[in-house]
Amino acid sequence: MAFVETDVRDYELALKIAKDSGDTKQVEKLKNQGPPPYYGKDVVWKFATFSQYLGDYMTKKPEIERLGYEIISEIGGTEYGLYRSILMY
Protein backbone atom coordinates (compact mmCIF):
# COMPACT_ATOMS: atom_id res chain seq x y z
CA MET A 1 0.00 0.00 0.00
CA ALA A 2 1.30 3.48 -0.81
CA PHE A 3 2.31 5.81 2.02
CA VAL A 4 -0.29 8.42 1.12
CA GLU A 5 -3.07 5.83 1.00
CA THR A 6 -2.02 4.54 4.43
CA ASP A 7 -1.95 8.08 5.82
CA VAL A 8 -5.43 8.81 4.44
CA ARG A 9 -6.82 5.61 5.95
CA ASP A 10 -5.22 6.39 9.30
CA TYR A 11 -6.63 9.93 9.19
CA GLU A 12 -10.12 8.60 8.41
CA LEU A 13 -9.88 6.05 11.21
CA ALA A 14 -8.77 8.70 13.71
CA LEU A 15 -11.67 10.91 12.62
CA LYS A 16 -14.14 8.02 13.01
CA ILE A 17 -12.82 7.11 16.45
CA ALA A 18 -12.99 10.73 17.57
CA LYS A 19 -16.58 11.05 16.30
CA ASP A 20 -17.66 7.74 17.85
CA SER A 21 -16.17 8.67 21.22
CA GLY A 22 -17.64 12.19 21.21
CA ASP A 23 -14.23 13.88 21.11
CA THR A 24 -15.48 17.04 19.41
CA LYS A 25 -12.20 18.89 19.98
CA GLN A 26 -10.25 16.24 18.04
CA VAL A 27 -12.92 16.03 15.32
CA GLU A 28 -12.69 19.79 14.83
CA LYS A 29 -8.90 19.71 14.78
CA LEU A 30 -8.81 16.94 12.17
CA LYS A 31 -11.47 18.55 9.99
CA ASN A 32 -9.70 21.92 10.10
CA GLN A 33 -6.45 20.46 8.80
CA GLY A 34 -8.11 18.08 6.34
CA PRO A 35 -6.84 14.70 5.15
CA PRO A 36 -3.34 13.95 3.86
CA PRO A 37 -1.23 14.41 1.85
CA TYR A 38 0.24 17.47 3.50
CA TYR A 39 2.79 19.85 2.04
CA GLY A 40 4.72 22.85 3.23
CA LYS A 41 4.71 24.23 6.73
CA ASP A 42 3.66 22.06 9.69
CA VAL A 43 3.60 18.76 7.79
CA VAL A 44 4.97 16.84 10.76
CA TRP A 45 2.48 18.41 13.19
CA LYS A 46 -0.46 17.63 10.92
CA PHE A 47 0.64 14.02 10.57
CA ALA A 48 1.14 13.80 14.34
CA THR A 49 -2.42 15.03 14.95
CA PHE A 50 -3.94 11.79 13.70
CA SER A 51 -1.06 9.35 14.22
CA GLN A 52 -0.58 10.24 17.89
CA TYR A 53 -4.35 10.08 18.43
CA LEU A 54 -4.41 6.55 16.98
CA GLY A 55 -1.39 5.54 19.04
CA ASP A 56 -3.01 6.78 22.24
CA TYR A 57 -6.24 4.98 21.35
CA MET A 58 -4.45 1.67 20.72
CA THR A 59 -2.45 1.97 23.95
CA LYS A 60 -5.69 2.19 25.93
CA LYS A 61 -7.12 -0.94 24.28
CA PRO A 62 -5.65 -4.15 25.74
CA GLU A 63 -7.38 -6.23 23.08
CA ILE A 64 -5.20 -4.64 20.38
CA GLU A 65 -2.10 -6.76 20.09
CA ARG A 66 1.13 -4.83 20.36
CA LEU A 67 4.08 -6.98 19.49
CA GLY A 68 6.58 -4.29 20.35
CA TYR A 69 10.07 -4.15 19.00
CA GLU A 70 12.68 -6.84 19.04
CA ILE A 71 15.81 -4.75 19.00
CA ILE A 72 18.32 -7.60 18.82
CA SER A 73 16.64 -9.29 15.87
CA GLU A 74 16.23 -5.97 14.06
CA ILE A 75 19.89 -5.07 14.46
CA GLY A 76 20.91 -8.46 13.13
CA GLY A 77 18.26 -8.56 10.43
CA THR A 78 19.47 -8.94 6.87
CA GLU A 79 16.99 -6.52 5.33
CA TYR A 80 17.32 -3.30 7.34
CA GLY A 81 19.63 -4.07 10.22
CA LEU A 82 23.15 -3.23 11.14
CA TYR A 83 24.39 -6.24 9.17
CA ARG A 84 23.15 -4.77 5.90
CA SER A 85 24.44 -1.30 6.80
CA ILE A 86 27.93 -2.68 7.24
CA LEU A 87 27.75 -4.58 3.96
CA MET A 88 26.60 -1.48 2.08
CA TYR A 89 29.69 0.54 3.02
Foldseek 3Di string as FASTA:
>chain_A
DDPLVVQQVLLVVLLVVCVVVVVVVLNVVSVVVDGDDDDDPPRVVNSCSRVVSVVVVLVVDPVRDDPDDDVVCQQVPCPRHVVVVVVVD
